[in-house]
Protein backbone atom coordinates (compact mmCIF):
# COMPACT_ATOMS: atom_id res chain seq x y z
CA MET A 1 -9.09 -0.96 -26.94
CA LEU A 2 -6.81 -2.77 -29.19
CA ALA A 3 -4.92 -5.94 -27.98
CA GLN A 4 -0.86 -5.63 -27.98
CA LYS A 5 1.25 -8.49 -29.33
CA ARG A 6 3.74 -9.49 -26.69
CA VAL A 7 5.88 -12.67 -26.50
CA HIS A 8 4.74 -14.24 -22.73
CA VAL A 9 7.89 -15.84 -21.07
CA TYR A 10 6.61 -18.89 -18.97
CA THR A 11 8.86 -19.73 -16.03
CA ASN A 12 8.78 -22.02 -13.25
CA HIS A 13 10.89 -21.12 -9.83
CA GLU A 14 10.20 -20.82 -6.25
CA GLY A 15 7.44 -23.53 -6.42
CA THR A 16 5.60 -21.03 -8.93
CA GLN A 17 4.39 -20.58 -12.53
CA TRP A 18 5.13 -17.36 -13.61
CA ASP A 19 3.91 -15.23 -16.75
CA PHE A 20 5.96 -12.15 -17.94
CA PRO A 21 4.90 -10.54 -21.07
CA VAL A 22 7.38 -8.40 -23.31
CA THR A 23 6.07 -6.11 -26.00
CA MET A 24 7.10 -7.52 -29.21
CA ASP A 25 7.90 -4.41 -31.17
CA GLU A 26 10.51 -3.24 -28.54
CA ILE A 27 12.55 -6.61 -28.92
CA GLU A 28 15.50 -5.68 -31.30
CA ASP A 29 17.24 -8.91 -30.95
CA VAL A 30 17.72 -12.10 -28.63
CA ASP A 31 21.19 -13.49 -27.05
CA ILE A 32 21.00 -17.20 -26.00
CA THR A 33 24.08 -17.73 -23.58
CA GLY A 34 25.08 -20.88 -21.57
CA THR A 35 22.29 -19.82 -18.83
CA SER A 36 20.53 -16.63 -19.95
CA LEU A 37 17.96 -15.77 -22.83
CA VAL A 38 18.30 -12.29 -22.91
CA PHE A 39 15.74 -9.75 -25.02
CA ASN A 40 17.75 -6.87 -26.02
CA MET A 41 15.21 -3.74 -26.30
CA THR A 42 15.06 -0.83 -28.43
CA ALA A 43 15.69 1.38 -25.12
CA GLY A 44 19.09 0.04 -25.27
CA GLN A 45 19.07 -2.51 -22.46
CA GLY A 46 18.57 -6.18 -21.94
CA VAL A 47 15.90 -8.17 -20.02
CA PRO A 48 17.53 -11.44 -18.97
CA PHE A 49 15.79 -14.72 -18.18
CA LEU A 50 17.38 -18.14 -16.67
CA ARG A 51 17.19 -20.37 -19.12
CA ALA A 52 16.77 -23.28 -16.32
CA ASN A 53 13.78 -21.59 -15.38
CA ILE A 54 11.97 -20.86 -18.92
CA ASP A 55 9.11 -23.58 -19.58
CA SER A 56 8.25 -21.96 -22.75
CA LEU A 57 7.92 -18.95 -24.93
CA LYS A 58 4.64 -17.86 -26.38
CA PHE A 59 3.51 -15.25 -28.80
CA GLU A 60 0.14 -13.81 -27.97
CA ASP A 61 -2.17 -10.90 -27.72
CA ASP A 62 -3.30 -9.47 -24.65
CA PRO A 63 -6.86 -10.23 -24.04
CA LEU A 64 -9.17 -7.73 -24.65
CA LEU A 65 -11.84 -8.79 -21.88
CA GLU A 66 -10.46 -7.57 -18.37
CA THR A 67 -12.21 -9.13 -15.18
CA ASN A 68 -11.45 -5.80 -12.77
CA ASN A 69 -10.76 -8.05 -9.97
CA PRO A 70 -8.38 -5.96 -7.74
CA TYR A 71 -7.95 -8.75 -5.32
CA LYS A 72 -5.78 -10.72 -7.39
CA VAL A 73 -1.71 -10.89 -6.73
CA PHE A 74 -0.35 -9.55 -9.64
CA GLN A 75 3.15 -10.64 -11.16
CA LEU A 76 5.85 -8.20 -11.51
CA TYR A 77 9.17 -8.72 -13.25
CA LEU A 78 11.93 -6.06 -12.71
CA THR A 79 15.21 -5.52 -14.07
CA THR A 80 17.81 -2.82 -13.92
CA ALA A 81 19.92 -2.01 -17.01
CA ASP A 82 23.14 -2.85 -15.07
CA SER A 83 21.67 -5.69 -13.40
CA ARG A 84 22.55 -4.15 -9.74
CA ALA A 85 20.69 -3.54 -6.78
CA VAL A 86 18.89 -0.01 -6.48
CA THR A 87 21.16 1.73 -3.64
CA SER A 88 20.07 5.48 -4.21
CA ARG A 89 16.88 7.53 -3.06
CA GLU A 90 17.76 10.38 -5.41
CA VAL A 91 19.29 8.93 -8.64
CA TYR A 92 16.95 7.21 -10.96
CA LYS A 93 18.53 4.48 -12.91
CA PRO A 94 17.30 2.61 -16.15
CA CYS A 95 14.91 -0.52 -15.58
CA TYR A 96 12.37 -2.69 -17.71
CA LEU A 97 9.38 -3.93 -15.98
CA SER A 98 6.97 -6.40 -16.98
CA LEU A 99 3.55 -6.71 -15.40
CA ASN A 100 1.42 -9.53 -15.50
CA ALA A 101 -2.23 -8.43 -14.43
CA GLN A 102 -3.57 -12.05 -14.49
CA GLY A 103 -6.51 -11.14 -16.72
CA SER A 104 -7.87 -8.74 -14.17
CA PHE A 105 -6.28 -5.55 -16.37
CA SER A 106 -4.42 -5.03 -19.19
CA ASN A 107 -0.71 -6.53 -18.66
CA TYR A 108 1.98 -4.03 -19.13
CA SER A 109 5.78 -4.12 -20.30
CA GLY A 110 8.22 -1.15 -21.22
CA SER A 111 11.19 0.55 -20.17
CA ALA A 112 11.28 3.00 -17.16
CA ASN A 113 13.58 4.47 -14.20
CA ILE A 114 13.65 3.54 -10.52
CA ARG A 115 15.15 4.70 -7.54
CA GLY A 116 14.60 3.99 -3.68
CA ARG A 117 11.86 5.95 -1.76
CA GLY A 118 10.67 6.30 1.84
CA ASN A 119 12.65 7.22 5.11
CA SER A 120 13.07 4.54 7.82
CA SER A 121 11.65 1.86 5.38
CA PHE A 122 14.32 2.26 3.34
CA LEU A 123 17.39 3.10 5.74
CA TRP A 124 16.36 0.20 8.05
CA TYR A 125 15.11 -2.84 6.43
CA ASP A 126 16.32 -5.31 4.19
CA LYS A 127 13.15 -5.38 2.11
CA LYS A 128 13.19 -1.91 0.18
CA PRO A 129 10.39 0.33 -1.11
CA TYR A 130 10.63 1.96 -4.51
CA ARG A 131 9.66 4.69 -6.89
CA ILE A 132 9.17 3.83 -10.71
CA LYS A 133 8.91 6.52 -13.46
CA LEU A 134 7.53 5.11 -16.60
CA ASP A 135 8.83 6.87 -20.08
CA THR A 136 5.21 8.01 -20.83
CA LYS A 137 2.02 8.08 -18.71
CA HIS A 138 0.10 4.79 -18.57
CA LYS A 139 -2.75 3.05 -16.60
CA LEU A 140 -1.66 0.45 -14.63
CA LEU A 141 -4.11 -2.29 -12.69
CA GLY A 142 -7.31 0.02 -13.33
CA LEU A 143 -5.77 3.07 -12.11
CA ASP A 144 -5.68 6.59 -13.76
CA LYS A 145 -2.77 7.41 -16.19
CA ALA A 146 0.49 8.14 -14.15
CA LYS A 147 4.19 8.34 -15.21
CA SER A 148 5.18 7.73 -11.29
CA TRP A 149 4.39 4.46 -9.24
CA VAL A 150 5.28 3.53 -6.10
CA LEU A 151 6.32 -0.20 -4.89
CA LEU A 152 5.75 -0.47 -0.96
CA ALA A 153 7.46 -2.70 0.87
CA ASN A 154 5.26 -2.94 3.96
CA TYR A 155 8.06 -4.89 5.43
CA ARG A 156 7.20 -3.78 9.02
CA ASP A 157 3.78 -5.07 8.68
CA VAL A 158 4.00 -8.92 9.21
CA THR A 159 -0.04 -8.91 8.02
CA ASP A 160 0.42 -6.81 4.94
CA MET A 161 -3.11 -5.88 5.61
CA MET A 162 -2.63 -2.48 7.84
CA ASN A 163 -2.53 -0.03 4.84
CA THR A 164 -5.15 -1.86 3.07
CA PHE A 165 -7.68 -1.93 6.12
CA VAL A 166 -7.29 1.97 6.43
CA PHE A 167 -7.73 2.35 2.55
CA GLU A 168 -10.87 0.13 2.72
CA MET A 169 -12.08 2.42 5.54
CA GLY A 170 -11.32 5.56 3.78
CA GLN A 171 -13.17 4.32 0.56
CA TRP A 172 -16.32 3.14 2.16
CA LEU A 173 -16.42 6.61 3.99
CA GLY A 174 -16.10 8.35 0.66
CA LEU A 175 -13.27 10.53 2.31
CA PRO A 176 -11.45 11.81 -1.33
CA TYR A 177 -15.19 13.02 -2.16
CA THR A 178 -16.44 14.83 1.05
CA ASN A 179 -16.02 18.41 1.69
CA HIS A 180 -13.83 20.30 3.97
CA THR A 181 -15.13 19.76 7.46
CA PRO A 182 -16.42 16.33 6.78
CA SER A 183 -13.22 15.29 5.23
CA PHE A 184 -11.48 16.47 8.49
CA ILE A 185 -13.65 14.59 10.77
CA LYS A 186 -13.52 11.05 8.81
CA TYR A 187 -9.65 11.71 8.18
CA LEU A 188 -9.14 12.30 12.16
CA GLN A 189 -11.15 9.30 13.10
CA ILE A 190 -9.30 6.99 10.96
CA GLN A 191 -6.09 8.27 12.18
CA GLU A 192 -7.04 7.88 15.61
CA PHE A 193 -9.06 4.49 15.47
CA VAL A 194 -5.66 2.73 14.22
CA TYR A 195 -3.62 4.97 16.59
CA ASN A 196 -1.61 6.33 13.85
CA VAL A 197 1.15 8.35 15.67
CA GLU A 198 1.95 10.13 12.09
CA LEU A 199 -0.57 12.54 13.33
CA ALA A 200 1.51 13.72 16.08
CA ALA A 201 4.59 14.19 13.89
CA PRO A 202 3.36 14.72 10.64
CA ARG A 203 5.36 13.40 7.53
CA SER A 204 2.72 11.40 5.65
CA ILE A 205 -0.22 13.54 6.74
CA PHE A 206 -1.72 15.11 3.21
CA MET A 207 -4.16 17.76 2.08
CA HIS A 208 -5.04 18.23 -1.46
CA LYS A 209 -7.40 19.83 -3.74
CA ASP A 210 -8.93 19.54 -7.11
CA GLY A 211 -8.75 22.58 -9.27
CA VAL A 212 -10.86 25.23 -7.63
CA ALA A 213 -12.55 22.79 -5.06
CA PRO A 214 -12.23 23.24 -1.35
CA TRP A 215 -9.00 21.83 0.44
CA VAL A 216 -9.63 18.46 1.90
CA MET A 217 -7.68 15.85 3.86
CA GLY A 218 -5.86 12.97 2.12
CA PRO A 219 -4.86 10.96 0.33
CA LEU A 220 -4.41 8.38 3.40
CA TRP A 221 -0.90 7.18 3.51
CA ASP A 222 1.64 5.20 5.39
CA PHE A 223 0.17 3.25 8.62
CA ASP A 224 2.56 0.89 9.73
CA ALA A 225 3.37 3.26 12.32
CA GLY A 226 -0.09 2.77 13.83
CA TYR A 227 -1.84 -0.23 15.62
CA ASP A 228 0.63 0.26 18.71
CA PHE A 229 3.74 -0.46 16.92
CA ASP A 230 6.45 -1.04 19.28
CA TRP A 231 8.79 1.80 18.90
CA ASN A 232 11.48 0.51 21.61
CA ASN A 233 12.61 -2.06 19.07
CA MET A 234 11.79 -0.04 15.94
CA TYR A 235 14.83 -0.79 13.80
CA ALA A 236 14.21 -4.48 13.71
CA GLY A 237 10.75 -5.24 15.30
CA HIS A 238 7.62 -6.27 14.07
CA ASP A 239 5.72 -5.88 17.30
CA TYR A 240 2.06 -4.50 17.40
CA PHE A 241 -1.25 -4.78 19.02
CA ALA A 242 0.13 -4.58 22.57
CA SER A 243 -2.84 -2.22 23.94
CA PHE A 244 -5.75 -1.05 22.41
CA THR A 245 -6.39 1.79 24.82
CA GLU A 246 -3.67 4.32 23.97
CA THR A 247 -4.55 7.44 21.79
CA VAL A 248 -2.85 9.94 20.10
CA MET A 249 -5.22 12.84 20.92
CA GLY A 250 -6.79 11.59 24.02
CA SER A 251 -10.40 11.52 25.61
CA ASN A 252 -10.46 15.37 25.29
CA PRO A 253 -8.39 16.12 22.10
CA LEU A 254 -8.67 19.95 22.68
CA LYS A 255 -6.56 19.46 25.75
CA ARG A 256 -4.31 17.08 24.00
CA ASN A 257 -4.56 14.60 26.81
CA GLY A 258 -3.36 11.39 24.85
CA ASN A 259 -0.09 9.82 24.64
CA TYR A 260 1.29 12.60 22.13
CA SER A 261 0.78 15.76 23.80
CA TYR A 262 2.64 17.57 21.20
CA VAL A 263 0.15 16.79 18.22
CA PRO A 264 -0.50 19.72 16.12
CA GLN A 265 -3.21 22.18 17.41
CA PHE A 266 -4.01 22.66 13.72
CA PHE A 267 -5.98 19.34 14.40
CA THR A 268 -6.89 19.53 18.02
CA ASP A 269 -8.14 23.26 17.87
CA LEU A 270 -11.22 21.84 15.96
CA PHE A 271 -12.59 20.44 18.99
CA GLY A 272 -12.89 24.04 20.70
CA CYS A 273 -16.01 24.14 18.02
CA ARG A 274 -19.11 22.82 19.20
CA GLU A 275 -20.38 22.37 15.96
CA PHE A 276 -17.38 20.65 14.96
CA VAL A 277 -17.52 18.10 17.97
CA GLN A 278 -21.27 17.52 17.41
CA GLN A 279 -20.85 16.60 13.74
CA TYR A 280 -17.65 14.27 14.86
CA LYS A 281 -19.79 12.49 17.36
CA ALA A 282 -22.58 11.99 14.80
CA GLN A 283 -20.35 10.59 12.24
CA TRP A 284 -19.05 8.00 14.31
CA VAL A 285 -22.55 7.05 15.34
CA ALA A 286 -23.50 6.90 11.87
CA VAL A 287 -20.46 4.28 10.88
CA LYS A 288 -19.45 2.57 13.89
CA ASP A 289 -21.34 -0.56 13.39
CA SER A 290 -20.22 -1.54 10.09
CA ILE A 291 -16.56 0.10 9.31
CA VAL A 292 -14.54 -2.48 11.02
CA THR A 293 -16.60 -5.11 9.61
CA HIS A 294 -16.66 -3.83 6.05
CA ALA A 295 -12.90 -3.05 5.94
CA TRP A 296 -11.76 -6.39 7.39
CA ASP A 297 -14.22 -8.42 5.12
CA GLU A 298 -12.52 -6.55 2.05
CA CYS A 299 -9.02 -7.37 3.85
CA MET A 300 -9.87 -10.95 3.58
CA LYS A 301 -10.51 -11.09 -0.11
CA TYR A 302 -6.88 -9.97 -0.38
CA VAL A 303 -5.67 -12.26 2.27
CA ASP A 304 -7.43 -15.18 0.56
CA GLU A 305 -5.55 -14.54 -2.81
CA LEU A 306 -2.36 -13.99 -0.98
CA ARG A 307 -2.58 -17.53 0.43
CA THR A 308 -3.95 -19.09 -2.91
CA SER A 309 -1.22 -17.81 -5.05
CA GLY A 310 1.41 -18.64 -2.54
CA ALA A 311 2.65 -15.14 -2.21
CA ILE A 312 2.87 -15.23 1.41
CA ASP A 313 5.02 -18.46 1.66
CA ARG A 314 7.28 -16.67 -0.79
CA GLU A 315 7.37 -13.60 1.29
CA PHE A 316 8.38 -15.44 4.33
CA GLN A 317 11.02 -17.70 2.49
CA ARG A 318 12.44 -14.43 1.10
CA TRP A 319 12.20 -12.15 4.24
CA PRO A 320 12.00 -14.46 7.06
CA LEU A 321 10.67 -12.99 10.21
CA ALA A 322 11.96 -14.94 13.40
CA GLY A 323 9.07 -15.95 15.94
CA LYS A 324 6.18 -14.47 13.42
CA SER A 325 3.45 -16.23 11.82
CA PHE A 326 1.04 -14.47 9.25
CA ASP A 327 -2.03 -16.22 10.61
CA LYS A 328 -1.14 -15.39 14.10
CA GLU A 329 -0.63 -11.63 13.42
CA LEU A 330 -3.90 -11.50 11.32
CA GLU A 331 -5.63 -12.71 14.29
CA LYS A 332 -3.84 -10.42 16.50
CA MET A 333 -4.65 -7.68 14.37
CA HIS A 334 -8.52 -8.47 14.09
CA LYS A 335 -8.88 -9.26 17.86
CA TRP A 336 -7.19 -5.48 18.59
CA LEU A 337 -9.66 -4.10 15.96
CA GLN A 338 -12.58 -5.46 17.52
CA ASN A 339 -11.65 -4.03 21.08
CA ARG A 340 -10.26 -0.91 19.40
CA LEU A 341 -13.91 -0.14 17.95
CA ILE A 342 -15.44 -0.75 21.71
CA HIS A 343 -12.92 1.76 23.13
CA ILE A 344 -13.02 4.45 20.60
CA SER A 345 -16.53 4.29 20.54
CA TYR A 346 -16.65 4.81 24.35
CA LEU A 347 -13.92 7.87 23.95
CA ILE A 348 -15.79 9.76 21.16
CA ALA A 349 -19.18 9.57 23.02
CA ALA A 350 -17.29 11.10 26.05
CA ILE A 351 -15.58 13.90 24.26
CA PRO A 352 -16.74 17.25 26.46
CA LEU A 353 -19.04 19.63 24.23
CA PRO A 354 -17.29 23.39 24.12
CA ASP A 355 -19.52 25.96 25.22
CA LYS A 356 -19.65 27.48 21.91
């Protein structure tokens, strides 16, 4: 892989050092005004920086050596062509993005398009999620080439770890790589374990297949409605972890005797098959002693970087949450997961075996 020449804009604001790369071949000219330095790009838009925040400009090649450290907090600078906020979930607007991968992966900079995404997360909250469409497919942060990328807001989740915890569970279980029946078992156990009510009203529940391979459950997606989220204050609240005993499917999923009696029978009818229930129980026995510890330990690696980089402090400064503390919510989450493990283990062991 050849290194790419970029101009790196080193800035200092919000108490943090920033390094934003801009591809030199895409720079047409530079405008310097009283307050701004603007790179005019060949795509026809400007990339502005406040002069007061700029420490230096350096012309550097990207390093060829990548550390492949996914836990780092990466730096992304994104500016729209009209310098206005993104307000539509349907109409894309041109933008330019500069991604500093902190030496873990290759940096990226280039023109793209952006729009809003999501449902309640876009409509209800100040911090918005977005969909970005690059001009051409490209690898970012060690992931495979793609044109479309998502910036999740995770505004409702004070810990920023609810999705991460589930992703780590799924990866450890090998969920994307199991066949039909095991994928259903692992998928349902994860959903029930974190009390994801999306299972009862599926909007972020997916199946997929690769080529001629069998259909499997996944990918895992959208878990800030789990962990016993308080729906009574759903428009402004960030309250979780009140009870670790509530369930979606219940102690007898076939009878749908949990807190959501309308969970689709597409899922619960599987518990009418004796072989399925036996495999369901055996799978949980095989992983229950390690599944929470493994996923939580991985989450703590991200948390360490969030603290060290100052990202959490900046998050709470930009989007303050009255009465909420990152450390306290993490502690609540960990305690809830530990109690949940005991409770779910008891419930799974007691699921009735059907006659056939």
